[in-house]
């Protein structure tokens, strides 16, 4: 297989379109930990299959990520829904992490919606509530770009898409997402550092995908579901199972939010 990640993405996109029986997709959604069942609110699924059957994709390695890709018809829009993602901490490199959005944009998607589970660094960002990502702080010390790819990240998370979400639900807060390498949760001292840097949310995904999607010219929307209070800000221990449980409980509501967003695009 080619070592050029963009060529591999184009091959995956070609096979994806063929299997789904469509010429192009309009919107891609990446469902984070606990968000998988929210995808059921988007509309009737068409073709669905394990994503690792496509060139360049890996089987799922994290609980809460189904490792499936689904084609959905929502009104006149064709959606490409990734039920799970590859994380940097799995050790496969940045190309594997962003292969989903590169494939999606190669398949025609001009809008990419990235979702995740996140820890809250602010008391007003309550567990069980979605938060619109206004910006990110990439603390993975990695970039998915190579060479002289001087991509402007000023408007990484589209101001127009964020305004659309606020119009749908004015109660939703915005926040800055800090992307950490994982897989361990952060220490209380690291959380204090992140708060001093201006972060409102913390997680282990999204930032690299957003950069890659922006490189491909896509409009990006980021949504975090607050699934826990960050380390040192409560007496509760951090637990991945609790993250997934919170996601399952919130799934119908966040799914309806995603459906409303897609309808307005």
C-alpha atoms as a PDB file:
ATOM      1  CA  UNK A   1       0.000   0.000   0.000  1.00  0.00           C
ATOM      2  CA  UNK A   2       1.172   3.548  -0.720  1.00  0.00           C
ATOM      3  CA  UNK A   3       3.063   5.379   2.005  1.00  0.00           C
ATOM      4  CA  UNK A   4       1.382   8.626   0.958  1.00  0.00           C
ATOM      5  CA  UNK A   5      -1.432   9.108   3.514  1.00  0.00           C
ATOM      6  CA  UNK A   6      -3.487  11.287   1.164  1.00  0.00           C
ATOM      7  CA  UNK A   7      -3.347   8.648  -1.569  1.00  0.00           C
ATOM      8  CA  UNK A   8      -4.472   5.991   0.915  1.00  0.00           C
ATOM      9  CA  UNK A   9      -7.346   8.285   1.954  1.00  0.00           C
ATOM     10  CA  UNK A  10      -8.406   8.697  -1.674  1.00  0.00           C
ATOM     11  CA  UNK A  11      -8.439   4.906  -2.135  1.00  0.00           C
ATOM     12  CA  UNK A  12     -10.504   4.517   1.041  1.00  0.00           C
ATOM     13  CA  UNK A  13     -12.897   7.234  -0.160  1.00  0.00           C
ATOM     14  CA  UNK A  14     -13.331   5.514  -3.541  1.00  0.00           C
ATOM     15  CA  UNK A  15     -14.184   2.193  -1.900  1.00  0.00           C
ATOM     16  CA  UNK A  16     -16.458   3.908   0.597  1.00  0.00           C
ATOM     17  CA  UNK A  17     -18.472   5.645  -2.123  1.00  0.00           C
ATOM     18  CA  UNK A  18     -18.712   2.393  -4.064  1.00  0.00           C
ATOM     19  CA  UNK A  19     -19.968   0.403  -1.077  1.00  0.00           C
ATOM     20  CA  UNK A  20     -22.437   3.115  -0.085  1.00  0.00           C
ATOM     21  CA  UNK A  21     -23.646   3.544  -3.673  1.00  0.00           C
ATOM     22  CA  UNK A  22     -23.219   7.329  -3.685  1.00  0.00           C
ATOM     23  CA  UNK A  23     -21.109   9.777  -5.660  1.00  0.00           C
ATOM     24  CA  UNK A  24     -20.283  12.015  -2.725  1.00  0.00           C
ATOM     25  CA  UNK A  25     -20.961  12.813   0.924  1.00  0.00           C
ATOM     26  CA  UNK A  26     -21.861  16.221   2.328  1.00  0.00           C
ATOM     27  CA  UNK A  27     -21.118  15.978   6.061  1.00  0.00           C
ATOM     28  CA  UNK A  28     -18.848  13.717   8.112  1.00  0.00           C
ATOM     29  CA  UNK A  29     -19.358  13.091  11.821  1.00  0.00           C
ATOM     30  CA  UNK A  30     -16.856  11.440  14.152  1.00  0.00           C
ATOM     31  CA  UNK A  31     -18.537  10.010  17.229  1.00  0.00           C
ATOM     32  CA  UNK A  32     -16.410  10.065  20.371  1.00  0.00           C
ATOM     33  CA  UNK A  33     -16.519   7.969  23.541  1.00  0.00           C
ATOM     34  CA  UNK A  34     -20.120   7.476  24.608  1.00  0.00           C
ATOM     35  CA  UNK A  35     -21.524   9.243  21.524  1.00  0.00           C
ATOM     36  CA  UNK A  36     -22.069   6.130  19.394  1.00  0.00           C
ATOM     37  CA  UNK A  37     -25.754   5.619  20.191  1.00  0.00           C
ATOM     38  CA  UNK A  38     -26.409   9.319  19.515  1.00  0.00           C
ATOM     39  CA  UNK A  39     -25.864   8.546  15.831  1.00  0.00           C
ATOM     40  CA  UNK A  40     -29.183   6.696  15.767  1.00  0.00           C
ATOM     41  CA  UNK A  41     -30.951  10.078  15.966  1.00  0.00           C
ATOM     42  CA  UNK A  42     -29.426  11.233  12.662  1.00  0.00           C
ATOM     43  CA  UNK A  43     -31.661   9.173  10.399  1.00  0.00           C
ATOM     44  CA  UNK A  44     -32.066   5.739   8.893  1.00  0.00           C
ATOM     45  CA  UNK A  45     -28.744   4.023   8.302  1.00  0.00           C
ATOM     46  CA  UNK A  46     -27.893   2.835   4.838  1.00  0.00           C
ATOM     47  CA  UNK A  47     -24.715   0.843   4.359  1.00  0.00           C
ATOM     48  CA  UNK A  48     -22.798   0.078   7.584  1.00  0.00           C
ATOM     49  CA  UNK A  49     -19.667  -1.995   7.945  1.00  0.00           C
ATOM     50  CA  UNK A  50     -16.443  -2.295   9.990  1.00  0.00           C
ATOM     51  CA  UNK A  51     -14.275   0.662   9.133  1.00  0.00           C
ATOM     52  CA  UNK A  52     -11.101  -1.443   9.030  1.00  0.00           C
ATOM     53  CA  UNK A  53     -12.422  -3.066   5.837  1.00  0.00           C
ATOM     54  CA  UNK A  54     -11.434   0.191   4.111  1.00  0.00           C
ATOM     55  CA  UNK A  55      -7.799   0.868   3.137  1.00  0.00           C
ATOM     56  CA  UNK A  56      -5.756   2.457   5.913  1.00  0.00           C
ATOM     57  CA  UNK A  57      -8.189   2.000   8.808  1.00  0.00           C
ATOM     58  CA  UNK A  58      -7.492   0.004  11.972  1.00  0.00           C
ATOM     59  CA  UNK A  59      -9.830  -2.137  14.115  1.00  0.00           C
ATOM     60  CA  UNK A  60     -11.184  -0.428  17.258  1.00  0.00           C
ATOM     61  CA  UNK A  61      -8.986  -0.667  20.330  1.00  0.00           C
ATOM     62  CA  UNK A  62     -10.894   1.389  22.920  1.00  0.00           C
ATOM     63  CA  UNK A  63     -14.124   0.473  24.716  1.00  0.00           C
ATOM     64  CA  UNK A  64     -16.955   2.774  23.645  1.00  0.00           C
ATOM     65  CA  UNK A  65     -15.743   3.015  20.035  1.00  0.00           C
ATOM     66  CA  UNK A  66     -17.644   0.650  17.766  1.00  0.00           C
ATOM     67  CA  UNK A  67     -15.229   0.733  14.839  1.00  0.00           C
ATOM     68  CA  UNK A  68     -18.011   1.067  12.272  1.00  0.00           C
ATOM     69  CA  UNK A  69     -18.688   3.509   9.461  1.00  0.00           C
ATOM     70  CA  UNK A  70     -22.264   4.303   8.511  1.00  0.00           C
ATOM     71  CA  UNK A  71     -23.831   6.058   5.521  1.00  0.00           C
ATOM     72  CA  UNK A  72     -26.949   8.024   6.459  1.00  0.00           C
ATOM     73  CA  UNK A  73     -29.456   9.912   4.302  1.00  0.00           C
ATOM     74  CA  UNK A  74     -30.787  12.929   6.224  1.00  0.00           C
ATOM     75  CA  UNK A  75     -33.149  14.906   4.016  1.00  0.00           C
ATOM     76  CA  UNK A  76     -31.150  15.901   0.969  1.00  0.00           C
ATOM     77  CA  UNK A  77     -27.826  15.472   2.757  1.00  0.00           C
ATOM     78  CA  UNK A  78     -25.650  12.416   2.739  1.00  0.00           C
ATOM     79  CA  UNK A  79     -23.857  11.837   6.004  1.00  0.00           C
ATOM     80  CA  UNK A  80     -20.764   9.790   6.687  1.00  0.00           C
ATOM     81  CA  UNK A  81     -20.702   8.721  10.334  1.00  0.00           C
ATOM     82  CA  UNK A  82     -17.630   7.207  11.967  1.00  0.00           C
ATOM     83  CA  UNK A  83     -18.701   5.292  15.065  1.00  0.00           C
ATOM     84  CA  UNK A  84     -15.399   5.605  16.880  1.00  0.00           C
ATOM     85  CA  UNK A  85     -11.887   6.836  16.124  1.00  0.00           C
ATOM     86  CA  UNK A  86      -8.203   5.955  16.437  1.00  0.00           C
ATOM     87  CA  UNK A  87      -6.386   7.761  19.268  1.00  0.00           C
ATOM     88  CA  UNK A  88      -2.798   8.934  19.292  1.00  0.00           C
ATOM     89  CA  UNK A  89      -2.078   6.899  22.433  1.00  0.00           C
ATOM     90  CA  UNK A  90      -2.739   3.672  20.519  1.00  0.00           C
ATOM     91  CA  UNK A  91       0.719   4.134  19.024  1.00  0.00           C
ATOM     92  CA  UNK A  92      -0.035   4.088  15.290  1.00  0.00           C
ATOM     93  CA  UNK A  93       1.060   7.662  14.572  1.00  0.00           C
ATOM     94  CA  UNK A  94      -0.758  10.785  13.472  1.00  0.00           C
ATOM     95  CA  UNK A  95      -1.697   9.534   9.997  1.00  0.00           C
ATOM     96  CA  UNK A  96      -3.839   6.795  11.543  1.00  0.00           C
ATOM     97  CA  UNK A  97      -5.487   9.331  13.868  1.00  0.00           C
ATOM     98  CA  UNK A  98      -6.592  11.657  11.055  1.00  0.00           C
ATOM     99  CA  UNK A  99      -7.246   9.057   8.352  1.00  0.00           C
ATOM    100  CA  UNK A 100     -10.977   9.348   9.069  1.00  0.00           C
ATOM    101  CA  UNK A 101     -11.224  13.050   8.203  1.00  0.00           C
ATOM    102  CA  UNK A 102      -8.864  12.735   5.246  1.00  0.00           C
ATOM    103  CA  UNK A 103     -11.044   9.948   3.869  1.00  0.00           C
ATOM    104  CA  UNK A 104     -14.207  11.939   4.544  1.00  0.00           C
ATOM    105  CA  UNK A 105     -12.987  15.049   2.751  1.00  0.00           C
ATOM    106  CA  UNK A 106     -11.686  12.918  -0.131  1.00  0.00           C
ATOM    107  CA  UNK A 107     -15.220  11.470  -0.327  1.00  0.00           C
ATOM    108  CA  UNK A 108     -16.631  14.980  -0.732  1.00  0.00           C
ATOM    109  CA  UNK A 109     -17.525  16.042   2.816  1.00  0.00           C
ATOM    110  CA  UNK A 110     -17.085  19.800   3.162  1.00  0.00           C
ATOM    111  CA  UNK A 111     -18.252  19.903   6.794  1.00  0.00           C
ATOM    112  CA  UNK A 112     -16.685  17.800   9.548  1.00  0.00           C
ATOM    113  CA  UNK A 113     -18.324  17.503  12.972  1.00  0.00           C
ATOM    114  CA  UNK A 114     -15.983  16.165  15.651  1.00  0.00           C
ATOM    115  CA  UNK A 115     -17.401  14.958  18.962  1.00  0.00           C
ATOM    116  CA  UNK A 116     -15.666  13.759  22.097  1.00  0.00           C
ATOM    117  CA  UNK A 117     -15.990  13.032  25.791  1.00  0.00           C
ATOM    118  CA  UNK A 118     -14.216  15.605  27.931  1.00  0.00           C
ATOM    119  CA  UNK A 119     -13.406  16.509  31.484  1.00  0.00           C
ATOM    120  CA  UNK A 120     -14.645  19.863  32.763  1.00  0.00           C
ATOM    121  CA  UNK A 121     -12.256  22.426  34.235  1.00  0.00           C
ATOM    122  CA  UNK A 122     -15.056  24.885  35.038  1.00  0.00           C
ATOM    123  CA  UNK A 123     -17.932  24.299  37.482  1.00  0.00           C
ATOM    124  CA  UNK A 124     -20.480  25.847  35.117  1.00  0.00           C
ATOM    125  CA  UNK A 125     -19.675  23.206  32.459  1.00  0.00           C
ATOM    126  CA  UNK A 126     -21.741  20.483  34.045  1.00  0.00           C
ATOM    127  CA  UNK A 127     -21.483  16.735  33.581  1.00  0.00           C
ATOM    128  CA  UNK A 128     -23.954  15.484  30.982  1.00  0.00           C
ATOM    129  CA  UNK A 129     -24.022  18.718  28.977  1.00  0.00           C
ATOM    130  CA  UNK A 130     -22.541  19.309  25.516  1.00  0.00           C
ATOM    131  CA  UNK A 131     -20.144  22.220  25.048  1.00  0.00           C
ATOM    132  CA  UNK A 132     -19.250  23.874  21.743  1.00  0.00           C
ATOM    133  CA  UNK A 133     -15.493  23.929  21.131  1.00  0.00           C
ATOM    134  CA  UNK A 134     -14.367  27.464  20.341  1.00  0.00           C
ATOM    135  CA  UNK A 135     -10.651  26.668  20.074  1.00  0.00           C
ATOM    136  CA  UNK A 136      -8.107  24.110  21.174  1.00  0.00           C
ATOM    137  CA  UNK A 137      -4.705  23.865  22.809  1.00  0.00           C
ATOM    138  CA  UNK A 138      -2.754  21.020  21.205  1.00  0.00           C
ATOM    139  CA  UNK A 139      -0.565  19.556  23.948  1.00  0.00           C
ATOM    140  CA  UNK A 140       0.140  16.274  22.155  1.00  0.00           C
ATOM    141  CA  UNK A 141       3.412  17.740  20.820  1.00  0.00           C
ATOM    142  CA  UNK A 142       2.416  16.329  17.424  1.00  0.00           C
ATOM    143  CA  UNK A 143       0.964  17.576  14.157  1.00  0.00           C
ATOM    144  CA  UNK A 144      -0.664  15.554  11.375  1.00  0.00           C
ATOM    145  CA  UNK A 145       0.870  17.869   8.762  1.00  0.00           C
ATOM    146  CA  UNK A 146       4.153  17.317   6.979  1.00  0.00           C
ATOM    147  CA  UNK A 147       6.605  19.617   5.279  1.00  0.00           C
ATOM    148  CA  UNK A 148       5.802  23.270   4.682  1.00  0.00           C
ATOM    149  CA  UNK A 149       2.079  22.916   5.382  1.00  0.00           C
ATOM    150  CA  UNK A 150       1.526  26.340   6.873  1.00  0.00           C
ATOM    151  CA  UNK A 151      -2.187  26.044   7.609  1.00  0.00           C
ATOM    152  CA  UNK A 152      -3.916  29.019   9.239  1.00  0.00           C
ATOM    153  CA  UNK A 153      -5.690  27.758  12.363  1.00  0.00           C
ATOM    154  CA  UNK A 154      -7.205  31.105  13.367  1.00  0.00           C
ATOM    155  CA  UNK A 155     -10.726  29.924  12.548  1.00  0.00           C
ATOM    156  CA  UNK A 156     -10.210  26.183  13.034  1.00  0.00           C
ATOM    157  CA  UNK A 157     -13.658  25.778  14.581  1.00  0.00           C
ATOM    158  CA  UNK A 158     -15.953  27.616  12.190  1.00  0.00           C
ATOM    159  CA  UNK A 159     -17.501  30.745  13.678  1.00  0.00           C
ATOM    160  CA  UNK A 160     -20.506  30.310  11.385  1.00  0.00           C
ATOM    161  CA  UNK A 161     -21.128  26.751  12.561  1.00  0.00           C
ATOM    162  CA  UNK A 162     -20.739  27.754  16.200  1.00  0.00           C
ATOM    163  CA  UNK A 163     -23.290  30.532  15.669  1.00  0.00           C
ATOM    164  CA  UNK A 164     -25.660  27.999  14.089  1.00  0.00           C
ATOM    165  CA  UNK A 165     -25.412  25.783  17.177  1.00  0.00           C
ATOM    166  CA  UNK A 166     -26.046  28.718  19.509  1.00  0.00           C
ATOM    167  CA  UNK A 167     -29.095  29.613  17.437  1.00  0.00           C
ATOM    168  CA  UNK A 168     -30.420  26.062  17.900  1.00  0.00           C
ATOM    169  CA  UNK A 169     -29.685  26.016  21.645  1.00  0.00           C
ATOM    170  CA  UNK A 170     -28.659  29.361  23.176  1.00  0.00           C
ATOM    171  CA  UNK A 171     -28.028  27.660  26.511  1.00  0.00           C
ATOM    172  CA  UNK A 172     -24.942  25.836  25.220  1.00  0.00           C
ATOM    173  CA  UNK A 173     -21.632  27.186  26.460  1.00  0.00           C
ATOM    174  CA  UNK A 174     -18.422  27.479  24.468  1.00  0.00           C
ATOM    175  CA  UNK A 175     -15.015  26.396  25.712  1.00  0.00           C
ATOM    176  CA  UNK A 176     -11.373  25.834  24.843  1.00  0.00           C
ATOM    177  CA  UNK A 177     -10.438  22.159  24.538  1.00  0.00           C
ATOM    178  CA  UNK A 178      -7.011  20.970  25.684  1.00  0.00           C
ATOM    179  CA  UNK A 179      -5.847  17.874  23.807  1.00  0.00           C
ATOM    180  CA  UNK A 180      -3.556  15.645  25.884  1.00  0.00           C
ATOM    181  CA  UNK A 181      -1.713  12.555  24.613  1.00  0.00           C
ATOM    182  CA  UNK A 182      -3.209  10.075  27.133  1.00  0.00           C
ATOM    183  CA  UNK A 183      -4.046   7.300  27.751  1.00  0.00           C
ATOM    184  CA  UNK A 184      -3.740   8.150  31.439  1.00  0.00           C
ATOM    185  CA  UNK A 185      -5.970  10.819  32.934  1.00  0.00           C
ATOM    186  CA  UNK A 186      -4.312  14.043  34.020  1.00  0.00           C
ATOM    187  CA  UNK A 187      -2.873  14.805  37.454  1.00  0.00           C
ATOM    188  CA  UNK A 188      -4.357  17.582  39.597  1.00  0.00           C
ATOM    189  CA  UNK A 189      -1.201  19.635  38.966  1.00  0.00           C
ATOM    190  CA  UNK A 190      -1.646  19.247  35.205  1.00  0.00           C
ATOM    191  CA  UNK A 191      -5.259  20.367  35.515  1.00  0.00           C
ATOM    192  CA  UNK A 192      -4.133  23.476  37.387  1.00  0.00           C
ATOM    193  CA  UNK A 193      -1.663  24.126  34.574  1.00  0.00           C
ATOM    194  CA  UNK A 194      -4.377  23.715  31.928  1.00  0.00           C
ATOM    195  CA  UNK A 195      -6.656  26.150  33.734  1.00  0.00           C
ATOM    196  CA  UNK A 196      -3.809  28.674  33.861  1.00  0.00           C
ATOM    197  CA  UNK A 197      -3.326  28.213  30.102  1.00  0.00           C
ATOM    198  CA  UNK A 198      -6.970  29.039  29.455  1.00  0.00           C
ATOM    199  CA  UNK A 199      -8.439  25.581  28.891  1.00  0.00           C
ATOM    200  CA  UNK A 200     -12.031  24.813  29.841  1.00  0.00           C
ATOM    201  CA  UNK A 201     -12.166  21.159  28.748  1.00  0.00           C
ATOM    202  CA  UNK A 202      -9.641  18.353  28.546  1.00  0.00           C
ATOM    203  CA  UNK A 203      -9.542  15.169  26.493  1.00  0.00           C
ATOM    204  CA  UNK A 204      -7.387  12.890  24.350  1.00  0.00           C
ATOM    205  CA  UNK A 205      -8.620  13.468  20.795  1.00  0.00           C
ATOM    206  CA  UNK A 206     -10.092  15.955  18.293  1.00  0.00           C
ATOM    207  CA  UNK A 207      -7.290  18.521  17.894  1.00  0.00           C
ATOM    208  CA  UNK A 208      -5.253  16.555  15.344  1.00  0.00           C
ATOM    209  CA  UNK A 209      -8.384  15.666  13.360  1.00  0.00           C
ATOM    210  CA  UNK A 210      -9.444  19.322  13.341  1.00  0.00           C
ATOM    211  CA  UNK A 211      -6.042  20.382  12.004  1.00  0.00           C
ATOM    212  CA  UNK A 212      -6.159  17.765   9.243  1.00  0.00           C
ATOM    213  CA  UNK A 213      -9.727  18.683   8.292  1.00  0.00           C
ATOM    214  CA  UNK A 214      -8.762  22.349   8.149  1.00  0.00           C
ATOM    215  CA  UNK A 215      -5.810  21.507   5.896  1.00  0.00           C
ATOM    216  CA  UNK A 216      -8.286  19.877   3.498  1.00  0.00           C
ATOM    217  CA  UNK A 217     -10.470  23.003   3.448  1.00  0.00           C
ATOM    218  CA  UNK A 218     -13.370  21.599   5.468  1.00  0.00           C
ATOM    219  CA  UNK A 219     -15.505  23.626   7.863  1.00  0.00           C
ATOM    220  CA  UNK A 220     -15.078  22.134  11.335  1.00  0.00           C
ATOM    221  CA  UNK A 221     -17.476  21.996  14.268  1.00  0.00           C
ATOM    222  CA  UNK A 222     -16.356  20.530  17.580  1.00  0.00           C
ATOM    223  CA  UNK A 223     -18.664  19.342  20.351  1.00  0.00           C
ATOM    224  CA  UNK A 224     -17.572  17.976  23.734  1.00  0.00           C
ATOM    225  CA  UNK A 225     -19.852  16.056  26.039  1.00  0.00           C
ATOM    226  CA  UNK A 226     -18.793  16.729  29.617  1.00  0.00           C
ATOM    227  CA  UNK A 227     -18.528  13.276  31.149  1.00  0.00           C
ATOM    228  CA  UNK A 228     -16.517  13.994  34.298  1.00  0.00           C
ATOM    229  CA  UNK A 229     -15.001  16.699  36.454  1.00  0.00           C
ATOM    230  CA  UNK A 230     -11.257  16.952  35.870  1.00  0.00           C
ATOM    231  CA  UNK A 231      -8.733  15.571  38.347  1.00  0.00           C
ATOM    232  CA  UNK A 232      -8.428  17.409  41.629  1.00  0.00           C
ATOM    233  CA  UNK A 233     -11.633  19.413  41.176  1.00  0.00           C
ATOM    234  CA  UNK A 234     -13.870  16.870  42.926  1.00  0.00           C
ATOM    235  CA  UNK A 235     -13.558  13.968  45.334  1.00  0.00           C
ATOM    236  CA  UNK A 236     -14.607  11.393  42.718  1.00  0.00           C
ATOM    237  CA  UNK A 237     -11.955   9.165  41.077  1.00  0.00           C
ATOM    238  CA  UNK A 238     -11.709   9.219  37.283  1.00  0.00           C
ATOM    239  CA  UNK A 239     -13.155   6.140  35.591  1.00  0.00           C
ATOM    240  CA  UNK A 240     -13.550   5.374  31.869  1.00  0.00           C
ATOM    241  CA  UNK A 241     -16.665   3.304  32.577  1.00  0.00           C
ATOM    242  CA  UNK A 242     -18.291   6.367  34.141  1.00  0.00           C
ATOM    243  CA  UNK A 243     -17.378   8.350  31.034  1.00  0.00           C
ATOM    244  CA  UNK A 244     -19.187   5.806  28.856  1.00  0.00           C
ATOM    245  CA  UNK A 245     -22.199   5.649  31.174  1.00  0.00           C
ATOM    246  CA  UNK A 246     -22.597   9.432  31.071  1.00  0.00           C
ATOM    247  CA  UNK A 247     -22.406   9.302  27.292  1.00  0.00           C
ATOM    248  CA  UNK A 248     -25.087   6.632  27.081  1.00  0.00           C
ATOM    249  CA  UNK A 249     -27.400   8.603  29.368  1.00  0.00           C
ATOM    250  CA  UNK A 250     -26.952  11.790  27.323  1.00  0.00           C
ATOM    251  CA  UNK A 251     -27.096  10.091  23.910  1.00  0.00           C
ATOM    252  CA  UNK A 252     -30.721  10.862  22.960  1.00  0.00           C
ATOM    253  CA  UNK A 253     -30.356  14.553  23.731  1.00  0.00           C
ATOM    254  CA  UNK A 254     -27.014  15.042  22.008  1.00  0.00           C
ATOM    255  CA  UNK A 255     -28.244  12.968  19.081  1.00  0.00           C
ATOM    256  CA  UNK A 256     -31.211  15.302  18.623  1.00  0.00           C
ATOM    257  CA  UNK A 257     -28.809  18.251  18.775  1.00  0.00           C
ATOM    258  CA  UNK A 258     -26.662  16.729  16.029  1.00  0.00           C
ATOM    259  CA  UNK A 259     -29.747  16.040  13.909  1.00  0.00           C
ATOM    260  CA  UNK A 260     -30.882  19.653  14.301  1.00  0.00           C
ATOM    261  CA  UNK A 261     -27.420  20.901  13.316  1.00  0.00           C
ATOM    262  CA  UNK A 262     -27.303  18.730  10.199  1.00  0.00           C
ATOM    263  CA  UNK A 263     -30.812  19.854   9.228  1.00  0.00           C
ATOM    264  CA  UNK A 264     -29.693  23.507   9.334  1.00  0.00           C
ATOM    265  CA  UNK A 265     -26.502  23.091   7.318  1.00  0.00           C
END
